[in-house]
Amino acid sequence: MLSEEQNGEKGQRLQVYLAHAGVASRRAAEEIIAQGRVSVNGKAVTTPGSKVYPDDTVLLDGKPVQTESRLLRLALNKPPGYICSSSDPQGRPLALSLLPEGRERLYSVGRLDYLSSGLIFFTNDGAFAAAIGHPRSELEKEYIVEASGQIPDAVLEAFNQGITVDGVHYQAKEAKRTGRKSINVILVEGKNREIRRVFSHFHLHPVLLRRIRIGPVSIGDLKEGSSRPLTGVELEGLG
């Protein structure tokens, strides 16, 4: 397990193996390894860079781990009222329940909060999730936002010029008006609940917050609650 090659087989880093098995993203897998929850051939391994080989037996919390036979990258049109976690102590509906049933263990790439809707990716490909989720990917995320009342010009100015709310700086790549009560916002960094926090600063409440695009992937005519595989062209565009 410690050598670069074994019986002519090239080793794979343990965190990559776990990511490809759909256990978690590569970064989360590193934390799982550091917690001592993974063993290889009966020995606990706490170093993420350790190598594993095809004949090795990998256990997580005492249970066998095997890489997925197929890698899935799905686009889901999430309705409002669904959680993007693998479980919810409050018993709220899971976005995972909307995906086709299969043996693959899927998880979301990024988040859409409970009340928000629109495009989100699910995958069992840890390398894909890590690449898309990393800030250096600089993927644009486009949203349609509608408020309960008229949206003042000051909100557009705040998004375009930047605004600090509760010590956190928010700035969109572009925000433009589409109606008296609606705007279109393009984010790159996409901090947690960014649009909702800026709206709240101006005492506004989004009655609709819908993501319609991630990088080159548009939601198009994908029905709410439905999913589809990402195309080869889309995957290439995502880098």
Protein backbone atom coordinates (compact mmCIF):
# COMPACT_ATOMS: atom_id res chain seq x y z
CA MET A 1 0.00 0.00 0.00
CA LEU A 2 2.94 2.35 0.61
CA SER A 3 4.82 1.72 -2.62
CA GLU A 4 4.04 3.54 -5.87
CA GLU A 5 3.38 0.28 -7.69
CA GLN A 6 2.26 -3.18 -6.67
CA ASN A 7 2.34 -6.20 -8.97
CA GLY A 8 2.63 -3.83 -11.91
CA GLU A 9 -0.53 -1.92 -10.90
CA LYS A 10 -0.37 1.81 -10.37
CA GLY A 11 -1.78 2.97 -7.04
CA GLN A 12 -4.59 5.47 -6.52
CA ARG A 13 -4.65 7.98 -3.69
CA LEU A 14 -7.03 6.88 -0.97
CA GLN A 15 -9.09 10.09 -0.98
CA VAL A 16 -9.52 9.80 -4.76
CA TYR A 17 -10.64 6.19 -4.37
CA LEU A 18 -13.22 7.21 -1.77
CA ALA A 19 -14.45 10.08 -3.94
CA HIS A 20 -14.89 7.78 -6.93
CA ALA A 21 -16.78 5.39 -4.67
CA GLY A 22 -19.29 8.14 -4.01
CA VAL A 23 -18.44 8.33 -0.31
CA ALA A 24 -17.86 12.10 -0.38
CA SER A 25 -16.02 14.81 -2.25
CA ARG A 26 -12.24 14.49 -2.28
CA ARG A 27 -11.82 17.18 0.39
CA ALA A 28 -14.45 15.60 2.65
CA ALA A 29 -12.82 12.20 2.10
CA GLU A 30 -9.54 13.61 3.41
CA GLU A 31 -11.30 14.57 6.63
CA ILE A 32 -12.87 11.12 6.91
CA ILE A 33 -9.42 9.51 6.55
CA ALA A 34 -7.89 11.86 9.12
CA GLN A 35 -10.62 10.82 11.58
CA GLY A 36 -9.32 7.23 11.41
CA ARG A 37 -12.54 5.85 9.94
CA VAL A 38 -10.85 4.12 6.97
CA SER A 39 -8.82 0.92 6.94
CA VAL A 40 -6.94 -0.76 4.10
CA ASN A 41 -6.24 -4.49 4.30
CA GLY A 42 -7.14 -4.46 8.00
CA LYS A 43 -4.93 -1.53 9.00
CA ALA A 44 -6.23 1.92 9.88
CA VAL A 45 -4.97 4.65 7.54
CA THR A 46 -4.98 8.31 8.55
CA THR A 47 -2.77 9.72 5.79
CA PRO A 48 -4.82 10.87 2.76
CA GLY A 49 -1.94 10.43 0.29
CA SER A 50 -1.65 6.70 0.93
CA LYS A 51 -2.02 4.50 -2.15
CA VAL A 52 -4.55 1.75 -2.73
CA TYR A 53 -4.57 -0.92 -5.43
CA PRO A 54 -7.24 -3.02 -7.18
CA ASP A 55 -6.73 -6.02 -4.88
CA ASP A 56 -6.83 -3.98 -1.65
CA THR A 57 -9.76 -4.21 0.75
CA VAL A 58 -10.95 -0.77 1.82
CA LEU A 59 -13.37 -0.37 4.73
CA LEU A 60 -15.18 2.74 5.95
CA ASP A 61 -16.51 2.40 9.48
CA GLY A 62 -15.99 -1.34 9.08
CA LYS A 63 -18.03 -1.62 5.87
CA PRO A 64 -16.56 -2.42 2.42
CA VAL A 65 -16.09 0.42 -0.04
CA GLN A 66 -16.07 -0.19 -3.78
CA THR A 67 -15.70 2.30 -6.59
CA GLU A 68 -18.81 2.94 -8.62
CA SER A 69 -19.20 0.99 -11.82
CA ARG A 70 -20.45 4.12 -13.54
CA LEU A 71 -19.97 7.80 -12.86
CA LEU A 72 -23.04 10.03 -12.99
CA ARG A 73 -23.25 13.80 -13.40
CA LEU A 74 -26.87 14.90 -13.31
CA ALA A 75 -28.64 18.25 -13.63
CA LEU A 76 -31.75 18.58 -11.45
CA ASN A 77 -34.39 21.29 -11.55
CA LYS A 78 -35.00 21.47 -7.80
CA PRO A 79 -38.41 22.69 -6.67
CA PRO A 80 -38.68 24.93 -3.60
CA GLY A 81 -39.26 23.03 -0.38
CA TYR A 82 -36.50 20.44 -0.85
CA ILE A 83 -33.20 20.07 1.02
CA CYS A 84 -29.92 19.35 -0.82
CA SER A 85 -28.47 17.23 2.01
CA SER A 86 -28.29 13.45 2.24
CA SER A 87 -30.52 13.57 5.34
CA ASP A 88 -32.49 16.08 7.37
CA PRO A 89 -33.22 15.81 11.11
CA GLN A 90 -36.36 17.91 10.59
CA GLY A 91 -37.72 15.39 8.11
CA ARG A 92 -38.01 17.80 5.21
CA PRO A 93 -38.11 16.36 1.66
CA LEU A 94 -34.72 15.59 0.09
CA ALA A 95 -33.79 16.63 -3.43
CA LEU A 96 -32.14 13.21 -3.70
CA SER A 97 -35.60 11.63 -3.65
CA LEU A 98 -36.33 13.27 -7.01
CA LEU A 99 -33.46 11.50 -8.78
CA PRO A 100 -33.75 8.14 -10.57
CA GLU A 101 -33.25 5.23 -8.19
CA GLY A 102 -30.03 3.27 -8.52
CA ARG A 103 -27.23 1.83 -6.49
CA GLU A 104 -25.02 4.87 -7.03
CA ARG A 105 -24.68 7.16 -4.01
CA LEU A 106 -25.16 10.71 -5.22
CA TYR A 107 -24.51 14.04 -3.54
CA SER A 108 -25.02 17.63 -4.56
CA VAL A 109 -22.35 19.91 -5.98
CA GLY A 110 -22.89 23.15 -4.09
CA ARG A 111 -26.23 24.07 -2.58
CA LEU A 112 -29.62 25.60 -3.18
CA ASP A 113 -31.36 26.50 0.04
CA TYR A 114 -34.70 25.04 1.09
CA LEU A 115 -36.86 27.80 -0.42
CA SER A 116 -34.81 28.33 -3.59
CA SER A 117 -35.36 26.43 -6.81
CA GLY A 118 -33.65 25.68 -10.09
CA LEU A 119 -30.51 24.11 -11.43
CA ILE A 120 -28.20 22.03 -9.25
CA PHE A 121 -25.81 19.19 -10.06
CA PHE A 122 -25.72 15.76 -8.38
CA THR A 123 -22.89 13.29 -8.89
CA ASN A 124 -20.97 10.31 -7.57
CA ASP A 125 -17.79 11.60 -9.23
CA GLY A 126 -15.66 13.18 -6.54
CA ALA A 127 -13.15 14.61 -9.00
CA PHE A 128 -15.95 16.34 -10.93
CA ALA A 129 -17.48 17.70 -7.71
CA ALA A 130 -14.15 19.04 -6.49
CA ALA A 131 -13.34 20.72 -9.81
CA ILE A 132 -16.76 22.35 -10.17
CA GLY A 133 -17.01 23.35 -6.53
CA HIS A 134 -13.57 24.96 -6.28
CA PRO A 135 -13.53 28.79 -6.32
CA ARG A 136 -10.91 28.84 -9.07
CA SER A 137 -13.43 27.31 -11.47
CA GLU A 138 -15.05 30.79 -11.51
CA LEU A 139 -18.29 29.37 -12.89
CA GLU A 140 -21.06 31.89 -13.42
CA LYS A 141 -24.34 31.13 -11.68
CA GLU A 142 -27.37 32.99 -13.00
CA TYR A 143 -30.54 33.62 -10.99
CA ILE A 144 -34.00 35.03 -11.52
CA VAL A 145 -35.21 36.88 -8.44
CA GLU A 146 -38.69 38.22 -7.80
CA ALA A 147 -39.66 40.22 -4.71
CA SER A 148 -42.95 40.81 -2.95
CA GLY A 149 -42.64 44.56 -3.61
CA GLN A 150 -40.89 46.95 -5.94
CA ILE A 151 -37.12 46.50 -6.04
CA PRO A 152 -35.38 49.90 -5.70
CA ASP A 153 -32.41 50.87 -7.85
CA ALA A 154 -30.29 50.82 -4.68
CA VAL A 155 -30.45 47.01 -4.68
CA LEU A 156 -29.04 46.82 -8.21
CA GLU A 157 -26.34 49.33 -7.28
CA ALA A 158 -25.42 47.26 -4.21
CA PHE A 159 -25.06 44.08 -6.25
CA ASN A 160 -23.07 45.73 -9.04
CA GLN A 161 -20.83 47.98 -6.94
CA GLY A 162 -20.54 45.74 -3.88
CA ILE A 163 -22.01 45.95 -0.39
CA THR A 164 -20.93 44.78 3.06
CA VAL A 165 -23.63 43.21 5.21
CA ASP A 166 -22.82 42.04 8.75
CA GLY A 167 -19.12 42.16 7.95
CA VAL A 168 -19.35 40.11 4.73
CA HIS A 169 -18.75 41.71 1.33
CA TYR A 170 -21.12 40.75 -1.48
CA GLN A 171 -20.82 41.66 -5.15
CA ALA A 172 -22.39 40.23 -8.27
CA LYS A 173 -20.71 39.96 -11.62
CA GLU A 174 -23.84 41.55 -13.06
CA ALA A 175 -27.30 42.49 -11.86
CA LYS A 176 -29.95 43.95 -14.11
CA ARG A 177 -33.62 44.80 -13.85
CA THR A 178 -36.13 42.62 -15.68
CA GLY A 179 -39.27 44.16 -14.17
CA ARG A 180 -40.56 46.39 -11.39
CA LYS A 181 -40.37 43.51 -8.91
CA SER A 182 -37.78 41.30 -10.62
CA ILE A 183 -34.05 41.25 -11.37
CA ASN A 184 -31.51 38.93 -12.97
CA VAL A 185 -28.31 38.28 -10.97
CA ILE A 186 -25.08 36.60 -12.09
CA LEU A 187 -22.73 35.47 -9.31
CA VAL A 188 -19.27 33.97 -9.54
CA GLU A 189 -18.13 33.53 -5.97
CA GLY A 190 -21.62 32.80 -4.67
CA LYS A 191 -21.33 33.16 -0.90
CA ASN A 192 -23.85 31.47 1.37
CA ARG A 193 -27.37 32.91 0.92
CA GLU A 194 -25.85 35.95 -0.80
CA ILE A 195 -28.96 37.13 -2.64
CA ARG A 196 -31.24 36.62 0.34
CA ARG A 197 -28.87 38.51 2.67
CA VAL A 198 -28.62 41.50 0.34
CA PHE A 199 -32.40 41.56 -0.12
CA SER A 200 -32.91 41.34 3.64
CA HIS A 201 -30.56 44.31 4.11
CA PHE A 202 -33.03 46.37 2.07
CA HIS A 203 -36.02 44.88 3.94
CA LEU A 204 -37.08 42.90 0.89
CA HIS A 205 -38.17 39.28 0.65
CA PRO A 206 -37.64 37.15 -2.48
CA VAL A 207 -40.85 35.33 -3.30
CA LEU A 208 -38.98 33.49 -6.06
CA LEU A 209 -35.26 32.74 -6.24
CA ARG A 210 -34.49 30.43 -9.15
CA ARG A 211 -31.10 29.43 -10.56
CA ILE A 212 -31.31 29.06 -14.31
CA ARG A 213 -27.67 28.54 -15.31
CA ILE A 214 -24.36 27.18 -14.03
CA GLY A 215 -21.50 28.00 -16.38
CA PRO A 216 -22.44 26.65 -19.84
CA VAL A 217 -25.33 24.57 -18.49
CA SER A 218 -28.78 26.17 -18.72
CA ILE A 219 -31.93 24.82 -17.13
CA GLY A 220 -33.72 25.13 -20.48
CA ASP A 221 -37.03 23.25 -20.61
CA LEU A 222 -36.11 20.79 -17.84
CA LYS A 223 -39.30 20.44 -15.81
CA GLU A 224 -39.34 21.20 -12.11
CA GLY A 225 -38.55 18.04 -10.18
CA SER A 226 -36.94 16.38 -13.21
CA SER A 227 -33.30 15.54 -13.89
CA ARG A 228 -31.10 14.64 -16.86
CA PRO A 229 -27.47 13.61 -17.45
CA LEU A 230 -25.08 16.40 -18.40
CA THR A 231 -24.05 16.14 -22.05
CA GLY A 232 -20.50 15.68 -23.28
CA VAL A 233 -20.47 19.23 -24.60
CA GLU A 234 -21.63 20.57 -21.22
CA LEU A 235 -19.01 18.56 -19.34
CA GLU A 236 -16.31 19.84 -21.68
CA GLY A 237 -17.52 23.40 -21.12
CA LEU A 238 -17.44 22.92 -17.37
CA GLY A 239 -13.77 22.03 -17.69
